[in-house]
């Protein structure tokens, strides 16, 4: 029986405890969000390609 994935939810928490990453500058937060968005886009593209096969 095939499994169909209708929705994928990915959540990521990025911290750097070695450098005291508890408090980060707003620019660092925006950079992290950009990286997360890029990762999500790539995962969705890979899933779409597998679905088309």
PDB file of N, CA and C in Angstrom:
ATOM      1  N   UNK A   1       0.844  -1.173   0.000  1.00  0.00           N
ATOM      2  CA  UNK A   1       0.000   0.000   0.000  1.00  0.00           C
ATOM      3  C   UNK A   1       0.889   1.237   0.000  1.00  0.00           C
ATOM      4  N   UNK A   2       0.740   2.125  -0.984  1.00  0.00           N
ATOM      5  CA  UNK A   2       1.590   3.323  -1.050  1.00  0.00           C
ATOM      6  C   UNK A   2       1.214   4.336   0.023  1.00  0.00           C
ATOM      7  N   UNK A   3       2.190   5.121   0.409  1.00  0.00           N
ATOM      8  CA  UNK A   3       1.993   6.190   1.389  1.00  0.00           C
ATOM      9  C   UNK A   3       2.053   7.519   0.655  1.00  0.00           C
ATOM     10  N   UNK A   4       1.050   8.360   0.872  1.00  0.00           N
ATOM     11  CA  UNK A   4       0.986   9.667   0.234  1.00  0.00           C
ATOM     12  C   UNK A   4       1.213  10.724   1.303  1.00  0.00           C
ATOM     13  N   UNK A   5       2.182  11.607   1.059  1.00  0.00           N
ATOM     14  CA  UNK A   5       2.472  12.701   1.980  1.00  0.00           C
ATOM     15  C   UNK A   5       1.806  13.953   1.421  1.00  0.00           C
ATOM     16  N   UNK A   6       0.799  14.445   2.124  1.00  0.00           N
ATOM     17  CA  UNK A   6       0.089  15.633   1.672  1.00  0.00           C
ATOM     18  C   UNK A   6       0.775  16.911   2.136  1.00  0.00           C
ATOM     19  N   UNK A   7       1.407  16.857   3.299  1.00  0.00           N
ATOM     20  CA  UNK A   7       1.988  18.063   3.866  1.00  0.00           C
ATOM     21  C   UNK A   7       3.223  17.682   4.670  1.00  0.00           C
ATOM     22  N   UNK A   8       4.251  18.478   4.548  1.00  0.00           N
ATOM     23  CA  UNK A   8       5.475  18.271   5.316  1.00  0.00           C
ATOM     24  C   UNK A   8       5.718  19.519   6.147  1.00  0.00           C
ATOM     25  N   UNK A   9       5.885  19.329   7.443  1.00  0.00           N
ATOM     26  CA  UNK A   9       6.167  20.440   8.336  1.00  0.00           C
ATOM     27  C   UNK A   9       7.552  20.224   8.913  1.00  0.00           C
ATOM     28  N   UNK A  10       8.419  21.204   8.712  1.00  0.00           N
ATOM     29  CA  UNK A  10       9.793  21.116   9.193  1.00  0.00           C
ATOM     30  C   UNK A  10      10.037  22.288  10.128  1.00  0.00           C
ATOM     31  N   UNK A  11      10.503  21.980  11.328  1.00  0.00           N
ATOM     32  CA  UNK A  11      10.863  23.055  12.246  1.00  0.00           C
ATOM     33  C   UNK A  11      12.295  22.805  12.713  1.00  0.00           C
ATOM     34  N   UNK A  12      13.054  23.871  12.774  1.00  0.00           N
ATOM     35  CA  UNK A  12      14.462  23.777  13.107  1.00  0.00           C
ATOM     36  C   UNK A  12      14.794  24.842  14.134  1.00  0.00           C
ATOM     37  N   UNK A  13      15.588  24.466  15.127  1.00  0.00           N
ATOM     38  CA  UNK A  13      16.084  25.436  16.093  1.00  0.00           C
ATOM     39  C   UNK A  13      17.599  25.459  15.957  1.00  0.00           C
ATOM     40  N   UNK A  14      18.132  26.611  15.589  1.00  0.00           N
ATOM     41  CA  UNK A  14      19.557  26.751  15.369  1.00  0.00           C
ATOM     42  C   UNK A  14      20.141  27.569  16.513  1.00  0.00           C
ATOM     43  N   UNK A  15      21.062  26.968  17.249  1.00  0.00           N
ATOM     44  CA  UNK A  15      21.730  27.688  18.334  1.00  0.00           C
ATOM     45  C   UNK A  15      23.213  27.374  18.290  1.00  0.00           C
ATOM     46  N   UNK A  16      23.977  28.245  18.874  1.00  0.00           N
ATOM     47  CA  UNK A  16      25.413  28.046  18.973  1.00  0.00           C
ATOM     48  C   UNK A  16      25.789  28.225  20.437  1.00  0.00           C
ATOM     49  N   UNK A  17      25.700  27.151  21.206  1.00  0.00           N
ATOM     50  CA  UNK A  17      25.947  27.217  22.635  1.00  0.00           C
ATOM     51  C   UNK A  17      27.411  27.528  22.959  1.00  0.00           C
ATOM     52  N   UNK A  18      28.336  27.136  22.099  1.00  0.00           N
ATOM     53  CA  UNK A  18      29.760  27.361  22.364  1.00  0.00           C
ATOM     54  C   UNK A  18      30.084  28.845  22.437  1.00  0.00           C
ATOM     55  N   UNK A  19      29.390  29.662  21.657  1.00  0.00           N
ATOM     56  CA  UNK A  19      29.667  31.091  21.666  1.00  0.00           C
ATOM     57  C   UNK A  19      28.587  31.875  22.404  1.00  0.00           C
ATOM     58  N   UNK A  20      27.835  31.204  23.254  1.00  0.00           N
ATOM     59  CA  UNK A  20      26.786  31.886  24.002  1.00  0.00           C
ATOM     60  C   UNK A  20      25.654  32.303  23.104  1.00  0.00           C
ATOM     61  N   UNK A  21      25.135  31.390  22.324  1.00  0.00           N
ATOM     62  CA  UNK A  21      24.124  31.692  21.320  1.00  0.00           C
ATOM     63  C   UNK A  21      22.742  31.984  21.855  1.00  0.00           C
ATOM     64  N   UNK A  22      22.586  32.096  23.158  1.00  0.00           N
ATOM     65  CA  UNK A  22      21.255  32.358  23.712  1.00  0.00           C
ATOM     66  C   UNK A  22      20.718  33.715  23.252  1.00  0.00           C
ATOM     67  N   UNK A  23      21.560  34.726  23.218  1.00  0.00           N
ATOM     68  CA  UNK A  23      21.141  36.056  22.757  1.00  0.00           C
ATOM     69  C   UNK A  23      21.880  36.353  21.461  1.00  0.00           C
ATOM     70  N   UNK A  24      21.106  36.507  20.379  1.00  0.00           N
ATOM     71  CA  UNK A  24      21.745  36.776  19.095  1.00  0.00           C
ATOM     72  C   UNK A  24      21.252  38.103  18.546  1.00  0.00           C
ATOM     73  N   UNK A  25      22.043  38.691  17.707  1.00  0.00           N
ATOM     74  CA  UNK A  25      21.694  39.965  17.089  1.00  0.00           C
ATOM     75  C   UNK A  25      20.578  39.751  16.074  1.00  0.00           C
ATOM     76  N   UNK A  26      19.782  40.773  15.784  1.00  0.00           N
ATOM     77  CA  UNK A  26      18.700  40.630  14.796  1.00  0.00           C
ATOM     78  C   UNK A  26      19.208  40.196  13.427  1.00  0.00           C
ATOM     79  N   UNK A  27      20.381  40.656  13.029  1.00  0.00           N
ATOM     80  CA  UNK A  27      20.923  40.265  11.731  1.00  0.00           C
ATOM     81  C   UNK A  27      21.184  38.764  11.688  1.00  0.00           C
ATOM     82  N   UNK A  28      21.698  38.221  12.782  1.00  0.00           N
ATOM     83  CA  UNK A  28      21.964  36.785  12.836  1.00  0.00           C
ATOM     84  C   UNK A  28      20.654  36.009  12.734  1.00  0.00           C
ATOM     85  N   UNK A  29      19.608  36.504  13.354  1.00  0.00           N
ATOM     86  CA  UNK A  29      18.308  35.840  13.286  1.00  0.00           C
ATOM     87  C   UNK A  29      17.781  35.852  11.858  1.00  0.00           C
ATOM     88  N   UNK A  30      17.935  36.977  11.173  1.00  0.00           N
ATOM     89  CA  UNK A  30      17.493  37.055   9.780  1.00  0.00           C
ATOM     90  C   UNK A  30      18.298  36.108   8.908  1.00  0.00           C
ATOM     91  N   UNK A  31      19.610  36.006   9.145  1.00  0.00           N
ATOM     92  CA  UNK A  31      20.447  35.080   8.383  1.00  0.00           C
ATOM     93  C   UNK A  31      20.004  33.643   8.610  1.00  0.00           C
ATOM     94  N   UNK A  32      19.710  33.304   9.861  1.00  0.00           N
ATOM     95  CA  UNK A  32      19.257  31.948  10.171  1.00  0.00           C
ATOM     96  C   UNK A  32      17.934  31.666   9.475  1.00  0.00           C
ATOM     97  N   UNK A  33      17.037  32.625   9.478  1.00  0.00           N
ATOM     98  CA  UNK A  33      15.744  32.430   8.835  1.00  0.00           C
ATOM     99  C   UNK A  33      15.913  32.234   7.333  1.00  0.00           C
ATOM    100  N   UNK A  34      16.852  32.953   6.740  1.00  0.00           N
ATOM    101  CA  UNK A  34      17.135  32.796   5.311  1.00  0.00           C
ATOM    102  C   UNK A  34      17.644  31.389   5.020  1.00  0.00           C
ATOM    103  N   UNK A  35      18.526  30.886   5.858  1.00  0.00           N
ATOM    104  CA  UNK A  35      19.063  29.531   5.683  1.00  0.00           C
ATOM    105  C   UNK A  35      17.956  28.499   5.836  1.00  0.00           C
ATOM    106  N   UNK A  36      17.117  28.690   6.841  1.00  0.00           N
ATOM    107  CA  UNK A  36      16.016  27.750   7.064  1.00  0.00           C
ATOM    108  C   UNK A  36      15.076  27.743   5.875  1.00  0.00           C
ATOM    109  N   UNK A  37      14.743  28.926   5.365  1.00  0.00           N
ATOM    110  CA  UNK A  37      13.857  29.008   4.201  1.00  0.00           C
ATOM    111  C   UNK A  37      14.461  28.302   2.993  1.00  0.00           C
ATOM    112  N   UNK A  38      15.748  28.465   2.788  1.00  0.00           N
ATOM    113  CA  UNK A  38      16.430  27.800   1.672  1.00  0.00           C
ATOM    114  C   UNK A  38      16.370  26.278   1.830  1.00  0.00           C
ATOM    115  N   UNK A  39      16.585  25.795   3.044  1.00  0.00           N
ATOM    116  CA  UNK A  39      16.520  24.355   3.294  1.00  0.00           C
ATOM    117  C   UNK A  39      15.128  23.808   3.028  1.00  0.00           C
ATOM    118  N   UNK A  40      14.120  24.512   3.485  1.00  0.00           N
ATOM    119  CA  UNK A  40      12.744  24.072   3.268  1.00  0.00           C
ATOM    120  C   UNK A  40      12.432  24.026   1.776  1.00  0.00           C
ATOM    121  N   UNK A  41      12.851  25.044   1.043  1.00  0.00           N
ATOM    122  CA  UNK A  41      12.621  25.066  -0.401  1.00  0.00           C
ATOM    123  C   UNK A  41      13.283  23.879  -1.082  1.00  0.00           C
ATOM    124  N   UNK A  42      14.501  23.563  -0.686  1.00  0.00           N
ATOM    125  CA  UNK A  42      15.210  22.437  -1.309  1.00  0.00           C
ATOM    126  C   UNK A  42      14.526  21.114  -0.996  1.00  0.00           C
ATOM    127  N   UNK A  43      14.082  20.949   0.260  1.00  0.00           N
ATOM    128  CA  UNK A  43      13.392  19.711   0.625  1.00  0.00           C
ATOM    129  C   UNK A  43      12.105  19.572  -0.172  1.00  0.00           C
ATOM    130  N   UNK A  44      11.342  20.651  -0.301  1.00  0.00           N
ATOM    131  CA  UNK A  44      10.103  20.603  -1.060  1.00  0.00           C
ATOM    132  C   UNK A  44      10.367  20.302  -2.531  1.00  0.00           C
ATOM    133  N   UNK A  45      11.446  20.852  -3.092  1.00  0.00           N
ATOM    134  CA  UNK A  45      11.799  20.552  -4.485  1.00  0.00           C
ATOM    135  C   UNK A  45      12.138  19.076  -4.655  1.00  0.00           C
ATOM    136  N   UNK A  46      12.883  18.503  -3.706  1.00  0.00           N
ATOM    137  CA  UNK A  46      13.242  17.099  -3.777  1.00  0.00           C
ATOM    138  C   UNK A  46      11.992  16.226  -3.697  1.00  0.00           C
ATOM    139  N   UNK A  47      11.092  16.569  -2.783  1.00  0.00           N
ATOM    140  CA  UNK A  47       9.845  15.811  -2.664  1.00  0.00           C
ATOM    141  C   UNK A  47       9.007  15.903  -3.939  1.00  0.00           C
ATOM    142  N   UNK A  48       8.974  17.076  -4.539  1.00  0.00           N
ATOM    143  CA  UNK A  48       8.216  17.249  -5.783  1.00  0.00           C
ATOM    144  C   UNK A  48       8.817  16.403  -6.904  1.00  0.00           C
ATOM    145  N   UNK A  49      10.153  16.373  -6.983  1.00  0.00           N
ATOM    146  CA  UNK A  49      10.813  15.572  -8.007  1.00  0.00           C
ATOM    147  C   UNK A  49      10.518  14.090  -7.822  1.00  0.00           C
ATOM    148  N   UNK A  50      10.532  13.627  -6.570  1.00  0.00           N
ATOM    149  CA  UNK A  50      10.237  12.208  -6.305  1.00  0.00           C
ATOM    150  C   UNK A  50       8.791  11.892  -6.658  1.00  0.00           C
ATOM    151  N   UNK A  51       7.902  12.832  -6.424  1.00  0.00           N
ATOM    152  CA  UNK A  51       6.486  12.625  -6.736  1.00  0.00           C
ATOM    153  C   UNK A  51       6.272  12.522  -8.231  1.00  0.00           C
ATOM    154  N   UNK A  52       7.048  13.256  -9.026  1.00  0.00           N
ATOM    155  CA  UNK A  52       6.893  13.252 -10.475  1.00  0.00           C
ATOM    156  C   UNK A  52       7.400  11.969 -11.112  1.00  0.00           C
ATOM    157  N   UNK A  53       8.228  11.238 -10.425  1.00  0.00           N
ATOM    158  CA  UNK A  53       8.796  10.004 -11.005  1.00  0.00           C
ATOM    159  C   UNK A  53       7.795   8.945 -11.131  1.00  0.00           C
TER     160      UNK A  53
END
